[in-house]
Amino acid sequence: MGELVINHEFAAPRAALWAAFTEPEILAEWFGPEGWGVHVDTVTIEPRIGGVQKFVMHLLEDPTQTSPVHAKFTEVREHELLVGEDGPHEMTLNLVITMRVEFADCPMGTALTITQGPLPGEVLAPARAGWESSFTKLEALFAAHL
């Protein structure tokens, strides 16, 4: 088992990055690696302790291939921190996965740190690639709207 830690800086204000993670219409525009999408009608986000984050990613070429997310927020500090637990899942050996998303100011705009785990070792590299691909989509979204 391992833990994935990803650091990424965005040329966007902290409020914009927070909105990308907490507003269904924005999340549906960028979340998921290239080749995957999220229909906004599957998204529910309640950014408060005990609130849920639910959505379904689908493969664009074959929408029957899906990857659902159903997490519960355990810690929320607006524009600073989102912590949620998702699971248990069969594909992750029935683990409950914790995801911590930290937002901080940096010279470029906003520094994002994502910590996710525990994850099986064989999932770490694909998960990192998925986040990095998603961030490319998010950067394009910010470039078009900021």
N, C-alpha and C. Protein backbone atom coordinates (compact mmCIF):
# COMPACT_ATOMS: atom_id res chain seq x y z
N MET A 1 0.84 -1.19 0.00
CA MET A 1 0.00 0.00 0.00
C MET A 1 0.88 1.24 0.00
N GLY A 2 0.36 2.28 -0.60
CA GLY A 2 1.12 3.51 -0.67
C GLY A 2 0.20 4.72 -0.61
N GLU A 3 0.83 5.86 -0.65
CA GLU A 3 0.12 7.13 -0.61
C GLU A 3 0.59 7.96 -1.78
N LEU A 4 -0.35 8.57 -2.49
CA LEU A 4 -0.04 9.43 -3.61
C LEU A 4 -0.03 10.87 -3.12
N VAL A 5 1.04 11.59 -3.42
CA VAL A 5 1.13 13.02 -3.10
C VAL A 5 1.46 13.75 -4.39
N ILE A 6 0.63 14.69 -4.75
CA ILE A 6 0.81 15.47 -5.97
C ILE A 6 0.79 16.95 -5.60
N ASN A 7 1.78 17.67 -6.10
CA ASN A 7 1.84 19.12 -5.93
C ASN A 7 1.75 19.75 -7.32
N HIS A 8 0.92 20.78 -7.45
CA HIS A 8 0.76 21.44 -8.74
C HIS A 8 0.43 22.90 -8.49
N GLU A 9 1.02 23.78 -9.29
CA GLU A 9 0.72 25.21 -9.19
C GLU A 9 -0.11 25.65 -10.37
N PHE A 10 -1.14 26.43 -10.09
CA PHE A 10 -2.03 26.94 -11.12
C PHE A 10 -1.96 28.46 -11.17
N ALA A 11 -2.04 29.00 -12.38
CA ALA A 11 -2.09 30.45 -12.58
C ALA A 11 -3.54 30.89 -12.45
N ALA A 12 -4.07 30.72 -11.26
CA ALA A 12 -5.47 31.05 -10.98
C ALA A 12 -5.58 31.40 -9.50
N PRO A 13 -6.50 32.28 -9.16
CA PRO A 13 -6.69 32.61 -7.74
C PRO A 13 -7.26 31.41 -6.96
N ARG A 14 -7.00 31.42 -5.68
CA ARG A 14 -7.45 30.33 -4.82
C ARG A 14 -8.96 30.12 -4.91
N ALA A 15 -9.74 31.19 -4.97
CA ALA A 15 -11.21 31.06 -5.05
C ALA A 15 -11.62 30.31 -6.32
N ALA A 16 -10.92 30.54 -7.42
CA ALA A 16 -11.25 29.85 -8.68
C ALA A 16 -10.94 28.36 -8.58
N LEU A 17 -9.81 28.03 -7.96
CA LEU A 17 -9.46 26.62 -7.81
C LEU A 17 -10.42 25.92 -6.85
N TRP A 18 -10.78 26.60 -5.78
CA TRP A 18 -11.77 26.05 -4.84
C TRP A 18 -13.08 25.76 -5.58
N ALA A 19 -13.52 26.70 -6.39
CA ALA A 19 -14.77 26.52 -7.14
C ALA A 19 -14.67 25.32 -8.09
N ALA A 20 -13.49 25.09 -8.66
CA ALA A 20 -13.31 23.95 -9.58
C ALA A 20 -13.53 22.62 -8.87
N PHE A 21 -13.30 22.58 -7.56
CA PHE A 21 -13.49 21.36 -6.79
C PHE A 21 -14.85 21.29 -6.10
N THR A 22 -15.55 22.42 -5.98
CA THR A 22 -16.78 22.43 -5.18
C THR A 22 -18.05 22.81 -5.93
N GLU A 23 -17.95 23.28 -7.16
CA GLU A 23 -19.13 23.65 -7.92
C GLU A 23 -19.36 22.62 -9.03
N PRO A 24 -20.51 21.93 -9.00
CA PRO A 24 -20.76 20.85 -9.95
C PRO A 24 -20.53 21.21 -11.41
N GLU A 25 -21.00 22.38 -11.84
CA GLU A 25 -20.88 22.77 -13.24
C GLU A 25 -19.42 22.90 -13.67
N ILE A 26 -18.57 23.36 -12.76
CA ILE A 26 -17.15 23.53 -13.10
C ILE A 26 -16.44 22.18 -13.03
N LEU A 27 -16.67 21.42 -11.97
CA LEU A 27 -16.03 20.11 -11.84
C LEU A 27 -16.31 19.23 -13.06
N ALA A 28 -17.54 19.27 -13.55
CA ALA A 28 -17.92 18.42 -14.69
C ALA A 28 -17.16 18.81 -15.96
N GLU A 29 -16.64 20.02 -16.02
CA GLU A 29 -15.92 20.46 -17.21
C GLU A 29 -14.48 19.95 -17.28
N TRP A 30 -13.89 19.56 -16.15
CA TRP A 30 -12.47 19.22 -16.18
C TRP A 30 -12.11 17.88 -15.53
N PHE A 31 -12.93 17.37 -14.65
CA PHE A 31 -12.50 16.23 -13.84
C PHE A 31 -12.41 14.96 -14.68
N GLY A 32 -11.37 14.22 -14.43
CA GLY A 32 -11.12 12.96 -15.11
C GLY A 32 -10.01 13.10 -16.13
N PRO A 33 -9.26 12.03 -16.32
CA PRO A 33 -8.17 12.09 -17.29
C PRO A 33 -8.69 12.24 -18.72
N GLU A 34 -7.80 12.59 -19.65
CA GLU A 34 -8.16 12.67 -21.06
C GLU A 34 -8.88 11.39 -21.46
N GLY A 35 -9.95 11.55 -22.21
CA GLY A 35 -10.72 10.39 -22.64
C GLY A 35 -11.88 10.04 -21.71
N TRP A 36 -11.93 10.72 -20.57
CA TRP A 36 -13.00 10.50 -19.60
C TRP A 36 -13.75 11.81 -19.39
N GLY A 37 -15.01 11.70 -18.99
CA GLY A 37 -15.82 12.88 -18.73
C GLY A 37 -16.74 12.65 -17.55
N VAL A 38 -17.41 13.72 -17.14
CA VAL A 38 -18.38 13.68 -16.05
C VAL A 38 -19.60 14.45 -16.52
N HIS A 39 -20.78 13.82 -16.49
CA HIS A 39 -22.03 14.53 -16.78
C HIS A 39 -22.43 15.29 -15.52
N VAL A 40 -22.72 16.57 -15.68
CA VAL A 40 -23.05 17.41 -14.53
C VAL A 40 -24.26 16.87 -13.76
N ASP A 41 -25.17 16.18 -14.44
CA ASP A 41 -26.34 15.68 -13.72
C ASP A 41 -26.02 14.52 -12.77
N THR A 42 -24.79 14.02 -12.80
CA THR A 42 -24.38 12.99 -11.84
C THR A 42 -23.67 13.59 -10.62
N VAL A 43 -23.46 14.91 -10.63
CA VAL A 43 -22.62 15.55 -9.61
C VAL A 43 -23.45 16.13 -8.47
N THR A 44 -23.08 15.75 -7.24
CA THR A 44 -23.60 16.37 -6.03
C THR A 44 -22.39 16.70 -5.17
N ILE A 45 -22.26 17.97 -4.79
CA ILE A 45 -21.15 18.38 -3.92
C ILE A 45 -21.71 19.26 -2.81
N GLU A 46 -21.47 18.83 -1.57
CA GLU A 46 -21.88 19.58 -0.39
C GLU A 46 -20.63 19.84 0.45
N PRO A 47 -19.91 20.94 0.16
CA PRO A 47 -18.63 21.17 0.83
C PRO A 47 -18.78 21.62 2.29
N ARG A 48 -19.13 20.65 3.13
CA ARG A 48 -19.25 20.87 4.58
C ARG A 48 -18.95 19.53 5.25
N ILE A 49 -18.59 19.56 6.51
CA ILE A 49 -18.33 18.31 7.23
C ILE A 49 -19.61 17.48 7.22
N GLY A 50 -19.48 16.23 6.79
CA GLY A 50 -20.63 15.33 6.67
C GLY A 50 -21.31 15.41 5.30
N GLY A 51 -20.96 16.42 4.51
CA GLY A 51 -21.53 16.57 3.17
C GLY A 51 -20.93 15.54 2.21
N VAL A 52 -21.59 15.35 1.09
CA VAL A 52 -21.13 14.34 0.14
C VAL A 52 -20.54 14.98 -1.11
N GLN A 53 -19.71 14.18 -1.76
CA GLN A 53 -19.21 14.48 -3.10
C GLN A 53 -19.48 13.22 -3.91
N LYS A 54 -20.42 13.32 -4.85
CA LYS A 54 -20.77 12.16 -5.67
C LYS A 54 -20.76 12.58 -7.13
N PHE A 55 -20.21 11.72 -7.97
CA PHE A 55 -20.30 11.89 -9.41
C PHE A 55 -19.84 10.60 -10.07
N VAL A 56 -20.09 10.52 -11.37
CA VAL A 56 -19.69 9.34 -12.12
C VAL A 56 -18.86 9.77 -13.32
N MET A 57 -17.61 9.31 -13.36
CA MET A 57 -16.78 9.50 -14.54
C MET A 57 -17.16 8.41 -15.54
N HIS A 58 -17.11 8.75 -16.83
CA HIS A 58 -17.40 7.75 -17.85
C HIS A 58 -16.39 7.87 -18.99
N LEU A 59 -16.10 6.76 -19.62
CA LEU A 59 -15.20 6.72 -20.76
C LEU A 59 -15.94 7.32 -21.95
N LEU A 60 -15.34 8.32 -22.60
CA LEU A 60 -16.02 9.00 -23.69
C LEU A 60 -16.33 8.06 -24.86
N GLU A 61 -15.41 7.15 -25.16
CA GLU A 61 -15.62 6.21 -26.27
C GLU A 61 -16.66 5.14 -25.95
N ASP A 62 -16.87 4.85 -24.68
CA ASP A 62 -17.81 3.82 -24.26
C ASP A 62 -18.41 4.22 -22.92
N PRO A 63 -19.48 5.02 -22.94
CA PRO A 63 -20.07 5.53 -21.69
C PRO A 63 -20.55 4.46 -20.72
N THR A 64 -20.60 3.20 -21.15
CA THR A 64 -20.96 2.15 -20.20
C THR A 64 -19.81 1.84 -19.25
N GLN A 65 -18.60 2.27 -19.61
CA GLN A 65 -17.43 2.11 -18.73
C GLN A 65 -17.42 3.31 -17.78
N THR A 66 -17.67 3.06 -16.49
CA THR A 66 -17.80 4.15 -15.53
C THR A 66 -16.89 3.95 -14.33
N SER A 67 -16.65 5.04 -13.64
CA SER A 67 -15.89 5.03 -12.40
C SER A 67 -16.58 5.99 -11.43
N PRO A 68 -17.40 5.48 -10.52
CA PRO A 68 -18.13 6.37 -9.61
C PRO A 68 -17.27 6.84 -8.44
N VAL A 69 -17.57 8.02 -7.97
CA VAL A 69 -16.98 8.58 -6.76
C VAL A 69 -18.12 8.85 -5.80
N HIS A 70 -17.98 8.40 -4.57
CA HIS A 70 -18.99 8.65 -3.54
C HIS A 70 -18.24 8.86 -2.22
N ALA A 71 -17.92 10.10 -1.95
CA ALA A 71 -17.12 10.44 -0.77
C ALA A 71 -17.95 11.25 0.21
N LYS A 72 -17.48 11.25 1.45
CA LYS A 72 -18.07 12.08 2.49
C LYS A 72 -16.97 12.99 3.03
N PHE A 73 -17.28 14.29 3.12
CA PHE A 73 -16.30 15.25 3.63
C PHE A 73 -16.15 15.10 5.14
N THR A 74 -14.90 15.00 5.60
CA THR A 74 -14.61 14.88 7.02
C THR A 74 -13.98 16.16 7.58
N GLU A 75 -13.46 17.00 6.69
CA GLU A 75 -12.87 18.26 7.12
C GLU A 75 -12.99 19.25 5.96
N VAL A 76 -13.45 20.46 6.26
CA VAL A 76 -13.61 21.50 5.24
C VAL A 76 -13.23 22.84 5.84
N ARG A 77 -12.31 23.52 5.17
CA ARG A 77 -11.99 24.92 5.50
C ARG A 77 -11.99 25.67 4.17
N GLU A 78 -13.00 26.53 3.99
CA GLU A 78 -13.22 27.19 2.71
C GLU A 78 -11.94 27.84 2.18
N HIS A 79 -11.66 27.55 0.90
CA HIS A 79 -10.50 28.07 0.17
C HIS A 79 -9.16 27.57 0.72
N GLU A 80 -9.20 26.61 1.67
CA GLU A 80 -7.97 26.09 2.26
C GLU A 80 -7.85 24.58 2.19
N LEU A 81 -8.93 23.85 2.52
CA LEU A 81 -8.79 22.41 2.72
C LEU A 81 -10.10 21.67 2.48
N LEU A 82 -10.00 20.56 1.75
CA LEU A 82 -11.09 19.60 1.61
C LEU A 82 -10.50 18.23 1.94
N VAL A 83 -11.13 17.52 2.87
CA VAL A 83 -10.71 16.15 3.19
C VAL A 83 -11.96 15.28 3.10
N GLY A 84 -11.83 14.19 2.37
CA GLY A 84 -12.96 13.29 2.22
C GLY A 84 -12.54 11.84 2.26
N GLU A 85 -13.50 10.99 2.55
CA GLU A 85 -13.27 9.54 2.55
C GLU A 85 -14.20 8.92 1.53
N ASP A 86 -13.64 8.02 0.71
CA ASP A 86 -14.38 7.35 -0.35
C ASP A 86 -14.17 5.86 -0.20
N GLY A 87 -15.25 5.11 -0.22
CA GLY A 87 -15.08 3.66 -0.17
C GLY A 87 -15.95 3.07 0.93
N PRO A 88 -15.80 1.79 1.16
CA PRO A 88 -14.79 0.89 0.59
C PRO A 88 -15.12 0.47 -0.85
N HIS A 89 -14.06 0.15 -1.62
CA HIS A 89 -14.19 -0.25 -3.01
C HIS A 89 -13.56 -1.61 -3.24
N GLU A 90 -14.22 -2.42 -4.06
CA GLU A 90 -13.65 -3.72 -4.43
C GLU A 90 -12.31 -3.56 -5.12
N MET A 91 -12.22 -2.59 -6.07
CA MET A 91 -10.99 -2.48 -6.84
C MET A 91 -9.80 -2.00 -6.01
N THR A 92 -10.04 -1.49 -4.82
CA THR A 92 -8.95 -1.09 -3.94
C THR A 92 -8.96 -1.96 -2.68
N LEU A 93 -9.26 -3.24 -2.88
CA LEU A 93 -9.22 -4.22 -1.79
C LEU A 93 -10.10 -3.82 -0.62
N ASN A 94 -11.25 -3.22 -0.93
CA ASN A 94 -12.22 -2.80 0.08
C ASN A 94 -11.67 -1.78 1.08
N LEU A 95 -10.76 -0.95 0.60
CA LEU A 95 -10.19 0.09 1.45
C LEU A 95 -11.07 1.34 1.44
N VAL A 96 -11.01 2.08 2.52
CA VAL A 96 -11.55 3.43 2.54
C VAL A 96 -10.37 4.34 2.21
N ILE A 97 -10.53 5.11 1.13
CA ILE A 97 -9.44 5.98 0.65
C ILE A 97 -9.71 7.39 1.13
N THR A 98 -8.71 8.00 1.73
CA THR A 98 -8.80 9.39 2.16
C THR A 98 -8.14 10.27 1.11
N MET A 99 -8.81 11.36 0.77
CA MET A 99 -8.23 12.33 -0.15
C MET A 99 -8.21 13.69 0.55
N ARG A 100 -7.04 14.28 0.56
CA ARG A 100 -6.82 15.58 1.18
C ARG A 100 -6.41 16.55 0.07
N VAL A 101 -7.15 17.65 -0.07
CA VAL A 101 -6.86 18.66 -1.09
C VAL A 101 -6.58 19.97 -0.36
N GLU A 102 -5.33 20.44 -0.48
CA GLU A 102 -4.91 21.66 0.19
C GLU A 102 -4.68 22.77 -0.83
N PHE A 103 -5.15 23.97 -0.52
CA PHE A 103 -5.05 25.13 -1.38
C PHE A 103 -4.20 26.18 -0.66
N ALA A 104 -3.18 26.71 -1.33
CA ALA A 104 -2.32 27.73 -0.72
C ALA A 104 -1.90 28.74 -1.78
N ASP A 105 -1.69 29.97 -1.35
CA ASP A 105 -1.19 30.99 -2.27
C ASP A 105 0.25 30.68 -2.64
N CYS A 106 0.61 31.03 -3.87
CA CYS A 106 1.99 30.92 -4.33
C CYS A 106 2.22 32.04 -5.34
N PRO A 107 3.46 32.33 -5.71
CA PRO A 107 3.71 33.42 -6.64
C PRO A 107 2.94 33.29 -7.96
N MET A 108 2.76 32.07 -8.44
CA MET A 108 2.07 31.85 -9.71
C MET A 108 0.56 32.05 -9.58
N GLY A 109 0.00 31.81 -8.39
CA GLY A 109 -1.44 31.90 -8.16
C GLY A 109 -1.83 31.04 -6.97
N THR A 110 -2.07 29.74 -7.24
CA THR A 110 -2.48 28.82 -6.18
C THR A 110 -1.71 27.52 -6.28
N ALA A 111 -1.16 27.10 -5.15
CA ALA A 111 -0.50 25.80 -5.06
C ALA A 111 -1.52 24.80 -4.52
N LEU A 112 -1.62 23.68 -5.20
CA LEU A 112 -2.53 22.62 -4.81
C LEU A 112 -1.70 21.41 -4.39
N THR A 113 -2.04 20.82 -3.25
CA THR A 113 -1.42 19.57 -2.82
C THR A 113 -2.53 18.56 -2.59
N ILE A 114 -2.43 17.44 -3.30
CA ILE A 114 -3.39 16.36 -3.14
C ILE A 114 -2.66 15.17 -2.53
N THR A 115 -3.21 14.64 -1.45
CA THR A 115 -2.69 13.45 -0.80
C THR A 115 -3.83 12.43 -0.80
N GLN A 116 -3.57 11.25 -1.37
CA GLN A 116 -4.61 10.25 -1.55
C GLN A 116 -4.07 8.88 -1.15
N GLY A 117 -4.81 8.17 -0.30
CA GLY A 117 -4.38 6.83 0.07
C GLY A 117 -5.18 6.30 1.25
N PRO A 118 -4.93 5.08 1.64
CA PRO A 118 -3.92 4.19 1.05
C PRO A 118 -4.39 3.66 -0.30
N LEU A 119 -3.42 3.47 -1.20
CA LEU A 119 -3.69 2.92 -2.52
C LEU A 119 -2.77 1.73 -2.77
N PRO A 120 -3.26 0.71 -3.46
CA PRO A 120 -2.39 -0.39 -3.84
C PRO A 120 -1.24 0.14 -4.72
N GLY A 121 -0.07 -0.43 -4.56
CA GLY A 121 1.10 0.05 -5.28
C GLY A 121 0.89 0.15 -6.78
N GLU A 122 0.17 -0.81 -7.36
CA GLU A 122 -0.03 -0.80 -8.81
C GLU A 122 -0.96 0.31 -9.28
N VAL A 123 -1.64 0.98 -8.37
CA VAL A 123 -2.57 2.05 -8.71
C VAL A 123 -1.89 3.42 -8.66
N LEU A 124 -0.76 3.53 -7.97
CA LEU A 124 -0.12 4.83 -7.76
C LEU A 124 0.24 5.54 -9.06
N ALA A 125 0.94 4.87 -9.96
CA ALA A 125 1.36 5.52 -11.21
C ALA A 125 0.16 5.90 -12.08
N PRO A 126 -0.82 5.00 -12.29
CA PRO A 126 -1.98 5.42 -13.08
C PRO A 126 -2.78 6.55 -12.42
N ALA A 127 -2.86 6.55 -11.10
CA ALA A 127 -3.58 7.62 -10.41
C ALA A 127 -2.86 8.96 -10.61
N ARG A 128 -1.54 8.96 -10.50
CA ARG A 128 -0.76 10.18 -10.73
C ARG A 128 -0.98 10.68 -12.16
N ALA A 129 -0.90 9.78 -13.13
CA ALA A 129 -1.10 10.16 -14.54
C ALA A 129 -2.51 10.72 -14.75
N GLY A 130 -3.50 10.12 -14.09
CA GLY A 130 -4.87 10.61 -14.21
C GLY A 130 -5.04 12.02 -13.67
N TRP A 131 -4.44 12.29 -12.50
CA TRP A 131 -4.52 13.64 -11.94
C TRP A 131 -3.81 14.63 -12.85
N GLU A 132 -2.62 14.27 -13.33
CA GLU A 132 -1.88 15.20 -14.18
C GLU A 132 -2.64 15.50 -15.47
N SER A 133 -3.29 14.50 -16.04
CA SER A 133 -4.11 14.70 -17.23
C SER A 133 -5.31 15.60 -16.91
N SER A 134 -5.92 15.38 -15.77
CA SER A 134 -7.03 16.23 -15.33
C SER A 134 -6.58 17.67 -15.15
N PHE A 135 -5.39 17.85 -14.58
CA PHE A 135 -4.87 19.21 -14.37
C PHE A 135 -4.64 19.93 -15.69
N THR A 136 -4.24 19.20 -16.72
CA THR A 136 -4.08 19.80 -18.04
C THR A 136 -5.42 20.34 -18.52
N LYS A 137 -6.49 19.58 -18.31
CA LYS A 137 -7.83 20.03 -18.68
C LYS A 137 -8.25 21.24 -17.85
N LEU A 138 -7.92 21.23 -16.56
CA LEU A 138 -8.28 22.35 -15.68
C LEU A 138 -7.52 23.60 -16.07
N GLU A 139 -6.23 23.48 -16.39
CA GLU A 139 -5.46 24.64 -16.82
C GLU A 139 -6.05 25.26 -18.10
N ALA A 140 -6.49 24.41 -19.04
CA ALA A 140 -7.11 24.91 -20.26
C ALA A 140 -8.41 25.65 -19.94
N LEU A 141 -9.16 25.13 -18.99
CA LEU A 141 -10.40 25.77 -18.58
C LEU A 141 -10.12 27.15 -17.98
N PHE A 142 -9.11 27.22 -17.11
CA PHE A 142 -8.74 28.52 -16.53
C PHE A 142 -8.26 29.48 -17.61
N ALA A 143 -7.46 29.00 -18.55
CA ALA A 143 -6.94 29.86 -19.62
C ALA A 143 -8.07 30.45 -20.46
N ALA A 144 -9.14 29.67 -20.63
CA ALA A 144 -10.28 30.14 -21.43
C ALA A 144 -11.17 31.11 -20.68
N HIS A 145 -11.18 31.03 -19.34
CA HIS A 145 -12.15 31.82 -18.56
C HIS A 145 -11.55 32.85 -17.63
N LEU A 146 -10.25 32.83 -17.41
CA LEU A 146 -9.68 33.82 -16.48
C LEU A 146 -8.96 34.92 -17.22
